[in-house]
Amino acid sequence: MNIHNIEYMSTDEYLKAWILNKLKRHRCIGSKHTAAKNVRKGAPPTYYEKIDDLLEQLIKSDRFVWAGGKTRERHVSLYPHLLGEIDSFIRRHYVEAVF
């Protein structure tokens, strides 16, 4: 499955798992972080706003993603102590998870 497959892109859980998997693949865990706008790269431009909203959900309600930074841009990374829960979430909702 590819991110451009509309059948899977329609679910929020799939997109959340895609975001978490992308951060994990790029090893953005703990003190290694990336700009929030970089997370949506690789997705179709029509999904940028939805991905930004889901990233906010992962930060505020799901609490899998840490957000902060000292620059003007918001930076994000995964919480290292939640990697087990993040892995199980990815396995449940994302078909092509890379471990």
PDB file of N, CA and C in Angstrom:
ATOM      1  N   MET A   1       0.836  -1.172   0.000  1.00  0.00           N
ATOM      2  CA  MET A   1       0.000   0.000   0.000  1.00  0.00           C
ATOM      3  C   MET A   1       0.878   1.231   0.000  1.00  0.00           C
ATOM      4  N   ASN A   2       0.409   2.169  -0.650  1.00  0.00           N
ATOM      5  CA  ASN A   2       1.123   3.413  -0.790  1.00  0.00           C
ATOM      6  C   ASN A   2       0.272   4.513  -0.172  1.00  0.00           C
ATOM      7  N   ILE A   3       0.886   5.564   0.273  1.00  0.00           N
ATOM      8  CA  ILE A   3       0.166   6.653   0.937  1.00  0.00           C
ATOM      9  C   ILE A   3      -0.895   7.254   0.038  1.00  0.00           C
ATOM     10  N   HIS A   4      -0.744   7.117  -1.262  1.00  0.00           N
ATOM     11  CA  HIS A   4      -1.674   7.728  -2.200  1.00  0.00           C
ATOM     12  C   HIS A   4      -2.915   6.869  -2.426  1.00  0.00           C
ATOM     13  N   ASN A   5      -3.019   5.719  -1.772  1.00  0.00           N
ATOM     14  CA  ASN A   5      -4.184   4.867  -1.903  1.00  0.00           C
ATOM     15  C   ASN A   5      -5.328   5.484  -1.104  1.00  0.00           C
ATOM     16  N   ILE A   6      -6.335   5.992  -1.790  1.00  0.00           N
ATOM     17  CA  ILE A   6      -7.423   6.738  -1.159  1.00  0.00           C
ATOM     18  C   ILE A   6      -8.224   5.871  -0.200  1.00  0.00           C
ATOM     19  N   GLU A   7      -8.324   4.586  -0.447  1.00  0.00           N
ATOM     20  CA  GLU A   7      -9.081   3.694   0.422  1.00  0.00           C
ATOM     21  C   GLU A   7      -8.538   3.746   1.851  1.00  0.00           C
ATOM     22  N   TYR A   8      -7.228   3.751   2.004  1.00  0.00           N
ATOM     23  CA  TYR A   8      -6.630   3.775   3.328  1.00  0.00           C
ATOM     24  C   TYR A   8      -6.485   5.194   3.863  1.00  0.00           C
ATOM     25  N   MET A   9      -6.306   6.148   2.989  1.00  0.00           N
ATOM     26  CA  MET A   9      -6.099   7.531   3.424  1.00  0.00           C
ATOM     27  C   MET A   9      -7.344   8.120   4.070  1.00  0.00           C
ATOM     28  N   SER A  10      -8.504   7.513   3.845  1.00  0.00           N
ATOM     29  CA  SER A  10      -9.738   8.099   4.355  1.00  0.00           C
ATOM     30  C   SER A  10      -9.875   7.942   5.866  1.00  0.00           C
ATOM     31  N   THR A  11      -9.142   7.032   6.480  1.00  0.00           N
ATOM     32  CA  THR A  11      -9.282   6.835   7.922  1.00  0.00           C
ATOM     33  C   THR A  11      -8.245   7.659   8.685  1.00  0.00           C
ATOM     34  N   ASP A  12      -8.695   8.252   9.763  1.00  0.00           N
ATOM     35  CA  ASP A  12      -7.800   9.057  10.602  1.00  0.00           C
ATOM     36  C   ASP A  12      -6.750   8.197  11.287  1.00  0.00           C
ATOM     37  N   GLU A  13      -7.146   7.001  11.704  1.00  0.00           N
ATOM     38  CA  GLU A  13      -6.212   6.118  12.409  1.00  0.00           C
ATOM     39  C   GLU A  13      -5.054   5.721  11.495  1.00  0.00           C
ATOM     40  N   TYR A  14      -5.338   5.480  10.232  1.00  0.00           N
ATOM     41  CA  TYR A  14      -4.279   5.137   9.282  1.00  0.00           C
ATOM     42  C   TYR A  14      -3.298   6.297   9.133  1.00  0.00           C
ATOM     43  N   LEU A  15      -3.819   7.504   9.004  1.00  0.00           N
ATOM     44  CA  LEU A  15      -2.944   8.667   8.850  1.00  0.00           C
ATOM     45  C   LEU A  15      -2.121   8.921  10.118  1.00  0.00           C
ATOM     46  N   LYS A  16      -2.720   8.712  11.285  1.00  0.00           N
ATOM     47  CA  LYS A  16      -1.957   8.856  12.530  1.00  0.00           C
ATOM     48  C   LYS A  16      -0.813   7.845  12.560  1.00  0.00           C
ATOM     49  N   ALA A  17      -1.122   6.605  12.181  1.00  0.00           N
ATOM     50  CA  ALA A  17      -0.083   5.568  12.158  1.00  0.00           C
ATOM     51  C   ALA A  17       0.977   5.905  11.118  1.00  0.00           C
ATOM     52  N   TRP A  18       0.584   6.496  10.002  1.00  0.00           N
ATOM     53  CA  TRP A  18       1.543   6.910   8.965  1.00  0.00           C
ATOM     54  C   TRP A  18       2.479   7.977   9.525  1.00  0.00           C
ATOM     55  N   ILE A  19       1.929   8.934  10.264  1.00  0.00           N
ATOM     56  CA  ILE A  19       2.741  10.001  10.870  1.00  0.00           C
ATOM     57  C   ILE A  19       3.727   9.403  11.876  1.00  0.00           C
ATOM     58  N   LEU A  20       3.227   8.539  12.759  1.00  0.00           N
ATOM     59  CA  LEU A  20       4.095   7.916  13.768  1.00  0.00           C
ATOM     60  C   LEU A  20       5.185   7.075  13.117  1.00  0.00           C
ATOM     61  N   ASN A  21       4.821   6.332  12.077  1.00  0.00           N
ATOM     62  CA  ASN A  21       5.800   5.493  11.390  1.00  0.00           C
ATOM     63  C   ASN A  21       6.867   6.353  10.719  1.00  0.00           C
ATOM     64  N   LYS A  22       6.451   7.467  10.144  1.00  0.00           N
ATOM     65  CA  LYS A  22       7.418   8.349   9.488  1.00  0.00           C
ATOM     66  C   LYS A  22       8.408   8.921  10.499  1.00  0.00           C
ATOM     67  N   LEU A  23       7.913   9.366  11.644  1.00  0.00           N
ATOM     68  CA  LEU A  23       8.809   9.887  12.676  1.00  0.00           C
ATOM     69  C   LEU A  23       9.749   8.799  13.183  1.00  0.00           C
ATOM     70  N   LYS A  24       9.229   7.573  13.303  1.00  0.00           N
ATOM     71  CA  LYS A  24      10.073   6.480  13.781  1.00  0.00           C
ATOM     72  C   LYS A  24      11.132   6.097  12.750  1.00  0.00           C
ATOM     73  N   ARG A  25      10.746   6.036  11.467  1.00  0.00           N
ATOM     74  CA  ARG A  25      11.703   5.699  10.408  1.00  0.00           C
ATOM     75  C   ARG A  25      12.842   6.710  10.337  1.00  0.00           C
ATOM     76  N   HIS A  26      12.524   7.975  10.568  1.00  0.00           N
ATOM     77  CA  HIS A  26      13.537   9.025  10.528  1.00  0.00           C
ATOM     78  C   HIS A  26      14.229   9.200  11.884  1.00  0.00           C
ATOM     79  N   ARG A  27      13.917   8.312  12.805  1.00  0.00           N
ATOM     80  CA  ARG A  27      14.526   8.286  14.147  1.00  0.00           C
ATOM     81  C   ARG A  27      14.363   9.603  14.899  1.00  0.00           C
ATOM     82  N   CYS A  28      13.209  10.207  14.760  1.00  0.00           N
ATOM     83  CA  CYS A  28      12.889  11.427  15.511  1.00  0.00           C
ATOM     84  C   CYS A  28      12.305  11.004  16.852  1.00  0.00           C
ATOM     85  N   ILE A  29      13.178  10.611  17.739  1.00  0.00           N
ATOM     86  CA  ILE A  29      12.796  10.089  19.045  1.00  0.00           C
ATOM     87  C   ILE A  29      13.576  10.847  20.102  1.00  0.00           C
ATOM     88  N   GLY A  30      12.869  11.313  21.116  1.00  0.00           N
ATOM     89  CA  GLY A  30      13.531  12.024  22.205  1.00  0.00           C
ATOM     90  C   GLY A  30      14.078  13.361  21.777  1.00  0.00           C
ATOM     91  N   SER A  31      15.383  13.555  21.932  1.00  0.00           N
ATOM     92  CA  SER A  31      15.975  14.862  21.655  1.00  0.00           C
ATOM     93  C   SER A  31      16.212  15.114  20.171  1.00  0.00           C
ATOM     94  N   LYS A  32      16.097  14.084  19.328  1.00  0.00           N
ATOM     95  CA  LYS A  32      16.207  14.305  17.888  1.00  0.00           C
ATOM     96  C   LYS A  32      14.816  14.642  17.367  1.00  0.00           C
ATOM     97  N   HIS A  33      14.675  15.786  16.751  1.00  0.00           N
ATOM     98  CA  HIS A  33      13.367  16.253  16.322  1.00  0.00           C
ATOM     99  C   HIS A  33      13.438  16.811  14.912  1.00  0.00           C
ATOM    100  N   THR A  34      12.271  17.089  14.352  1.00  0.00           N
ATOM    101  CA  THR A  34      12.166  17.673  13.020  1.00  0.00           C
ATOM    102  C   THR A  34      11.055  18.718  13.040  1.00  0.00           C
ATOM    103  N   ALA A  35      11.088  19.612  12.082  1.00  0.00           N
ATOM    104  CA  ALA A  35      10.039  20.629  11.984  1.00  0.00           C
ATOM    105  C   ALA A  35       8.712  19.950  11.664  1.00  0.00           C
ATOM    106  N   ALA A  36       7.640  20.448  12.239  1.00  0.00           N
ATOM    107  CA  ALA A  36       6.322  19.851  12.047  1.00  0.00           C
ATOM    108  C   ALA A  36       5.908  19.868  10.582  1.00  0.00           C
ATOM    109  N   LYS A  37       6.344  20.878   9.844  1.00  0.00           N
ATOM    110  CA  LYS A  37       5.963  20.943   8.431  1.00  0.00           C
ATOM    111  C   LYS A  37       6.631  19.841   7.613  1.00  0.00           C
ATOM    112  N   ASN A  38       7.725  19.263   8.111  1.00  0.00           N
ATOM    113  CA  ASN A  38       8.401  18.187   7.396  1.00  0.00           C
ATOM    114  C   ASN A  38       7.649  16.860   7.490  1.00  0.00           C
ATOM    115  N   VAL A  39       6.768  16.738   8.457  1.00  0.00           N
ATOM    116  CA  VAL A  39       6.038  15.481   8.647  1.00  0.00           C
ATOM    117  C   VAL A  39       5.125  15.216   7.466  1.00  0.00           C
ATOM    118  N   ARG A  40       4.543  16.240   6.911  1.00  0.00           N
ATOM    119  CA  ARG A  40       3.568  16.041   5.834  1.00  0.00           C
ATOM    120  C   ARG A  40       4.196  15.810   4.461  1.00  0.00           C
ATOM    121  N   LYS A  41       5.500  15.922   4.355  1.00  0.00           N
ATOM    122  CA  LYS A  41       6.168  15.654   3.078  1.00  0.00           C
ATOM    123  C   LYS A  41       5.960  14.195   2.690  1.00  0.00           C
ATOM    124  N   GLY A  42       5.692  13.962   1.433  1.00  0.00           N
ATOM    125  CA  GLY A  42       5.450  12.618   0.947  1.00  0.00           C
ATOM    126  C   GLY A  42       3.981  12.287   0.807  1.00  0.00           C
ATOM    127  N   ALA A  43       3.123  13.112   1.379  1.00  0.00           N
ATOM    128  CA  ALA A  43       1.677  12.916   1.252  1.00  0.00           C
ATOM    129  C   ALA A  43       1.142  13.830   0.155  1.00  0.00           C
ATOM    130  N   PRO A  44       0.002  13.500  -0.418  1.00  0.00           N
ATOM    131  CA  PRO A  44      -0.585  14.385  -1.422  1.00  0.00           C
ATOM    132  C   PRO A  44      -0.926  15.745  -0.794  1.00  0.00           C
ATOM    133  N   PRO A  45      -0.742  16.838  -1.523  1.00  0.00           N
ATOM    134  CA  PRO A  45      -1.023  18.174  -0.970  1.00  0.00           C
ATOM    135  C   PRO A  45      -2.450  18.354  -0.462  1.00  0.00           C
ATOM    136  N   THR A  46      -3.389  17.585  -0.971  1.00  0.00           N
ATOM    137  CA  THR A  46      -4.768  17.708  -0.489  1.00  0.00           C
ATOM    138  C   THR A  46      -4.917  17.215   0.947  1.00  0.00           C
ATOM    139  N   TYR A  47      -3.959  16.446   1.445  1.00  0.00           N
ATOM    140  CA  TYR A  47      -4.010  15.910   2.806  1.00  0.00           C
ATOM    141  C   TYR A  47      -3.189  16.716   3.800  1.00  0.00           C
ATOM    142  N   TYR A  48      -2.530  17.771   3.376  1.00  0.00           N
ATOM    143  CA  TYR A  48      -1.661  18.525   4.276  1.00  0.00           C
ATOM    144  C   TYR A  48      -2.412  19.052   5.498  1.00  0.00           C
ATOM    145  N   GLU A  49      -3.565  19.637   5.294  1.00  0.00           N
ATOM    146  CA  GLU A  49      -4.315  20.210   6.414  1.00  0.00           C
ATOM    147  C   GLU A  49      -4.781  19.114   7.371  1.00  0.00           C
ATOM    148  N   LYS A  50      -5.232  17.996   6.816  1.00  0.00           N
ATOM    149  CA  LYS A  50      -5.683  16.882   7.650  1.00  0.00           C
ATOM    150  C   LYS A  50      -4.525  16.304   8.460  1.00  0.00           C
ATOM    151  N   ILE A  51      -3.361  16.185   7.844  1.00  0.00           N
ATOM    152  CA  ILE A  51      -2.193  15.671   8.554  1.00  0.00           C
ATOM    153  C   ILE A  51      -1.782  16.624   9.671  1.00  0.00           C
ATOM    154  N   ASP A  52      -1.845  17.928   9.418  1.00  0.00           N
ATOM    155  CA  ASP A  52      -1.532  18.901  10.466  1.00  0.00           C
ATOM    156  C   ASP A  52      -2.495  18.772  11.641  1.00  0.00           C
ATOM    157  N   ASP A  53      -3.785  18.584  11.353  1.00  0.00           N
ATOM    158  CA  ASP A  53      -4.775  18.414  12.418  1.00  0.00           C
ATOM    159  C   ASP A  53      -4.538  17.138  13.217  1.00  0.00           C
ATOM    160  N   LEU A  54      -4.230  16.057  12.516  1.00  0.00           N
ATOM    161  CA  LEU A  54      -3.982  14.789  13.200  1.00  0.00           C
ATOM    162  C   LEU A  54      -2.687  14.827  14.014  1.00  0.00           C
ATOM    163  N   LEU A  55      -1.703  15.569  13.541  1.00  0.00           N
ATOM    164  CA  LEU A  55      -0.469  15.729  14.306  1.00  0.00           C
ATOM    165  C   LEU A  55      -0.770  16.456  15.619  1.00  0.00           C
ATOM    166  N   GLU A  56      -1.644  17.443  15.563  1.00  0.00           N
ATOM    167  CA  GLU A  56      -2.060  18.140  16.789  1.00  0.00           C
ATOM    168  C   GLU A  56      -2.771  17.182  17.746  1.00  0.00           C
ATOM    169  N   GLN A  57      -3.596  16.292  17.208  1.00  0.00           N
ATOM    170  CA  GLN A  57      -4.259  15.298  18.052  1.00  0.00           C
ATOM    171  C   GLN A  57      -3.245  14.371  18.703  1.00  0.00           C
ATOM    172  N   LEU A  58      -2.232  13.963  17.944  1.00  0.00           N
ATOM    173  CA  LEU A  58      -1.197  13.085  18.499  1.00  0.00           C
ATOM    174  C   LEU A  58      -0.418  13.791  19.601  1.00  0.00           C
ATOM    175  N   ILE A  59      -0.305  15.092  19.510  1.00  0.00           N
ATOM    176  CA  ILE A  59       0.406  15.862  20.533  1.00  0.00           C
ATOM    177  C   ILE A  59      -0.469  16.058  21.762  1.00  0.00           C
ATOM    178  N   LYS A  60      -1.694  16.516  21.565  1.00  0.00           N
ATOM    179  CA  LYS A  60      -2.536  16.926  22.687  1.00  0.00           C
ATOM    180  C   LYS A  60      -3.313  15.787  23.337  1.00  0.00           C
ATOM    181  N   SER A  61      -4.040  15.006  22.564  1.00  0.00           N
ATOM    182  CA  SER A  61      -4.906  14.003  23.186  1.00  0.00           C
ATOM    183  C   SER A  61      -4.252  12.627  23.295  1.00  0.00           C
ATOM    184  N   ASP A  62      -3.574  12.172  22.257  1.00  0.00           N
ATOM    185  CA  ASP A  62      -2.945  10.848  22.303  1.00  0.00           C
ATOM    186  C   ASP A  62      -1.619  10.875  23.053  1.00  0.00           C
ATOM    187  N   ARG A  63      -0.953  11.991  23.060  1.00  0.00           N
ATOM    188  CA  ARG A  63       0.305  12.206  23.775  1.00  0.00           C
ATOM    189  C   ARG A  63       1.424  11.251  23.364  1.00  0.00           C
ATOM    190  N   PHE A  64       1.452  10.874  22.079  1.00  0.00           N
ATOM    191  CA  PHE A  64       2.554  10.073  21.562  1.00  0.00           C
ATOM    192  C   PHE A  64       3.700  10.950  21.076  1.00  0.00           C
ATOM    193  N   VAL A  65       3.382  12.191  20.734  1.00  0.00           N
ATOM    194  CA  VAL A  65       4.354  13.075  20.096  1.00  0.00           C
ATOM    195  C   VAL A  65       4.620  14.268  20.998  1.00  0.00           C
ATOM    196  N   TRP A  66       5.898  14.594  21.127  1.00  0.00           N
ATOM    197  CA  TRP A  66       6.336  15.769  21.871  1.00  0.00           C
ATOM    198  C   TRP A  66       6.460  16.934  20.886  1.00  0.00           C
ATOM    199  N   ALA A  67       6.062  18.126  21.313  1.00  0.00           N
ATOM    200  CA  ALA A  67       6.190  19.306  20.459  1.00  0.00           C
ATOM    201  C   ALA A  67       6.876  20.410  21.244  1.00  0.00           C
ATOM    202  N   GLY A  68       7.728  21.134  20.577  1.00  0.00           N
ATOM    203  CA  GLY A  68       8.438  22.225  21.217  1.00  0.00           C
ATOM    204  C   GLY A  68       9.470  22.775  20.278  1.00  0.00           C
ATOM    205  N   GLY A  69      10.435  23.426  20.838  1.00  0.00           N
ATOM    206  CA  GLY A  69      11.515  23.964  20.030  1.00  0.00           C
ATOM    207  C   GLY A  69      11.833  25.383  20.446  1.00  0.00           C
ATOM    208  N   LYS A  70      13.031  25.803  20.138  1.00  0.00           N
ATOM    209  CA  LYS A  70      13.480  27.133  20.505  1.00  0.00           C
ATOM    210  C   LYS A  70      13.475  28.082  19.320  1.00  0.00           C
ATOM    211  N   THR A  71      13.128  27.574  18.159  1.00  0.00           N
ATOM    212  CA  THR A  71      13.070  28.429  16.983  1.00  0.00           C
ATOM    213  C   THR A  71      11.623  28.855  16.756  1.00  0.00           C
ATOM    214  N   ARG A  72      11.389  29.583  15.712  1.00  0.00           N
ATOM    215  CA  ARG A  72      10.026  30.020  15.404  1.00  0.00           C
ATOM    216  C   ARG A  72       9.150  28.871  14.935  1.00  0.00           C
ATOM    217  N   GLU A  73       9.769  27.855  14.361  1.00  0.00           N
ATOM    218  CA  GLU A  73       9.018  26.699  13.886  1.00  0.00           C
ATOM    219  C   GLU A  73       8.765  25.723  15.022  1.00  0.00           C
ATOM    220  N   ARG A  74       7.667  25.019  14.921  1.00  0.00           N
ATOM    221  CA  ARG A  74       7.350  23.987  15.902  1.00  0.00           C
ATOM    222  C   ARG A  74       8.071  22.704  15.493  1.00  0.00           C
ATOM    223  N   HIS A  75       8.710  22.069  16.437  1.00  0.00           N
ATOM    224  CA  HIS A  75       9.425  20.819  16.177  1.00  0.00           C
ATOM    225  C   HIS A  75       8.745  19.682  16.927  1.00  0.00           C
ATOM    226  N   VAL A  76       8.804  18.489  16.342  1.00  0.00           N
ATOM    227  CA  VAL A  76       8.139  17.335  16.927  1.00  0.00           C
ATOM    228  C   VAL A  76       9.075  16.133  16.981  1.00  0.00           C
ATOM    229  N   SER A  77       8.825  15.255  17.937  1.00  0.00           N
ATOM    230  CA  SER A  77       9.527  13.981  18.038  1.00  0.00           C
ATOM    231  C   SER A  77       8.670  13.035  18.867  1.00  0.00           C
ATOM    232  N   LEU A  78       9.025  11.754  18.856  1.00  0.00           N
ATOM    233  CA  LEU A  78       8.294  10.749  19.610  1.00  0.00           C
ATOM    234  C   LEU A  78       8.830  10.681  21.041  1.00  0.00           C
ATOM    235  N   TYR A  79       7.940  10.370  21.977  1.00  0.00           N
ATOM    236  CA  TYR A  79       8.369  10.143  23.355  1.00  0.00           C
ATOM    237  C   TYR A  79       9.058   8.784  23.426  1.00  0.00           C
ATOM    238  N   PRO A  80      10.301   8.714  23.917  1.00  0.00           N
ATOM    239  CA  PRO A  80      11.015   7.432  23.937  1.00  0.00           C
ATOM    240  C   PRO A  80      10.402   6.398  24.876  1.00  0.00           C
ATOM    241  N   HIS A  81       9.782   6.836  25.969  1.00  0.00           N
ATOM    242  CA  HIS A  81       9.223   5.878  26.916  1.00  0.00           C
ATOM    243  C   HIS A  81       7.895   5.274  26.429  1.00  0.00           C
ATOM    244  N   LEU A  82       7.357   5.770  25.308  1.00  0.00           N
ATOM    245  CA  LEU A  82       6.111   5.246  24.763  1.00  0.00           C
ATOM    246  C   LEU A  82       6.317   4.452  23.466  1.00  0.00           C
ATOM    247  N   LEU A  83       7.549   4.088  23.153  1.00  0.00           N
ATOM    248  CA  LEU A  83       7.822   3.398  21.889  1.00  0.00           C
ATOM    249  C   LEU A  83       7.085   2.064  21.763  1.00  0.00           C
ATOM    250  N   GLY A  84       6.904   1.354  22.841  1.00  0.00           N
ATOM    251  CA  GLY A  84       6.155   0.094  22.791  1.00  0.00           C
ATOM    252  C   GLY A  84       4.704   0.316  22.386  1.00  0.00           C
ATOM    253  N   GLU A  85       4.063   1.312  22.992  1.00  0.00           N
ATOM    254  CA  GLU A  85       2.682   1.638  22.639  1.00  0.00           C
ATOM    255  C   GLU A  85       2.593   2.166  21.208  1.00  0.00           C
ATOM    256  N   ILE A  86       3.579   2.954  20.801  1.00  0.00           N
ATOM    257  CA  ILE A  86       3.596   3.500  19.443  1.00  0.00           C
ATOM    258  C   ILE A  86       3.728   2.368  18.430  1.00  0.00           C
ATOM    259  N   ASP A  87       4.611   1.400  18.700  1.00  0.00           N
ATOM    260  CA  ASP A  87       4.780   0.247  17.805  1.00  0.00           C
ATOM    261  C   ASP A  87       3.482  -0.539  17.662  1.00  0.00           C
ATOM    262  N   SER A  88       2.791  -0.775  18.780  1.00  0.00           N
ATOM    263  CA  SER A  88       1.541  -1.543  18.695  1.00  0.00           C
ATOM    264  C   SER A  88       0.469  -0.755  17.943  1.00  0.00           C
ATOM    265  N   PHE A  89       0.435   0.563  18.097  1.00  0.00           N
ATOM    266  CA  PHE A  89      -0.512   1.397  17.355  1.00  0.00           C
ATOM    267  C   PHE A  89      -0.230   1.325  15.859  1.00  0.00           C
ATOM    268  N   ILE A  90       1.048   1.392  15.497  1.00  0.00           N
ATOM    269  CA  ILE A  90       1.432   1.317  14.086  1.00  0.00           C
ATOM    270  C   ILE A  90       1.051  -0.049  13.515  1.00  0.00           C
ATOM    271  N   ARG A  91       1.318  -1.115  14.246  1.00  0.00           N
ATOM    272  CA  ARG A  91       1.003  -2.461  13.758  1.00  0.00           C
ATOM    273  C   ARG A  91      -0.495  -2.661  13.569  1.00  0.00           C
ATOM    274  N   ARG A  92      -1.298  -2.053  14.445  1.00  0.00           N
ATOM    275  CA  ARG A  92      -2.745  -2.198  14.330  1.00  0.00           C
ATOM    276  C   ARG A  92      -3.331  -1.438  13.149  1.00  0.00           C
ATOM    277  N   HIS A  93      -2.783  -0.267  12.833  1.00  0.00           N
ATOM    278  CA  HIS A  93      -3.458   0.622  11.893  1.00  0.00           C
ATOM    279  C   HIS A  93      -2.719   0.895  10.594  1.00  0.00           C
ATOM    280  N   TYR A  94      -1.489   0.496  10.490  1.00  0.00           N
ATOM    281  CA  TYR A  94      -0.716   0.823   9.293  1.00  0.00           C
ATOM    282  C   TYR A  94      -0.198  -0.465   8.675  1.00  0.00           C
ATOM    283  N   VAL A  95      -0.493  -0.682   7.434  1.00  0.00           N
ATOM    284  CA  VAL A  95      -0.198  -1.951   6.779  1.00  0.00           C
ATOM    285  C   VAL A  95       1.285  -2.133   6.494  1.00  0.00           C
ATOM    286  N   GLU A  96       1.959  -1.116   5.993  1.00  0.00           N
ATOM    287  CA  GLU A  96       3.350  -1.249   5.574  1.00  0.00           C
ATOM    288  C   GLU A  96       4.335  -0.689   6.585  1.00  0.00           C
ATOM    289  N   ALA A  97       4.123  -0.939   7.836  1.00  0.00           N
ATOM    290  CA  ALA A  97       4.999  -0.399   8.857  1.00  0.00           C
ATOM    291  C   ALA A  97       6.428  -0.921   8.675  1.00  0.00           C
ATOM    292  N   VAL A  98       7.392  -0.050   8.858  1.00  0.00           N
ATOM    293  CA  VAL A  98       8.798  -0.411   8.741  1.00  0.00           C
ATOM    294  C   VAL A  98       9.382  -0.440  10.133  1.00  0.00           C
ATOM    295  N   PHE A  99       9.866  -1.603  10.533  1.00  0.00           N
ATOM    296  CA  PHE A  99      10.432  -1.716  11.899  1.00  0.00           C
ATOM    297  C   PHE A  99      11.885  -1.978  11.841  1.00  0.00           C
TER     298      PHE A  99
END
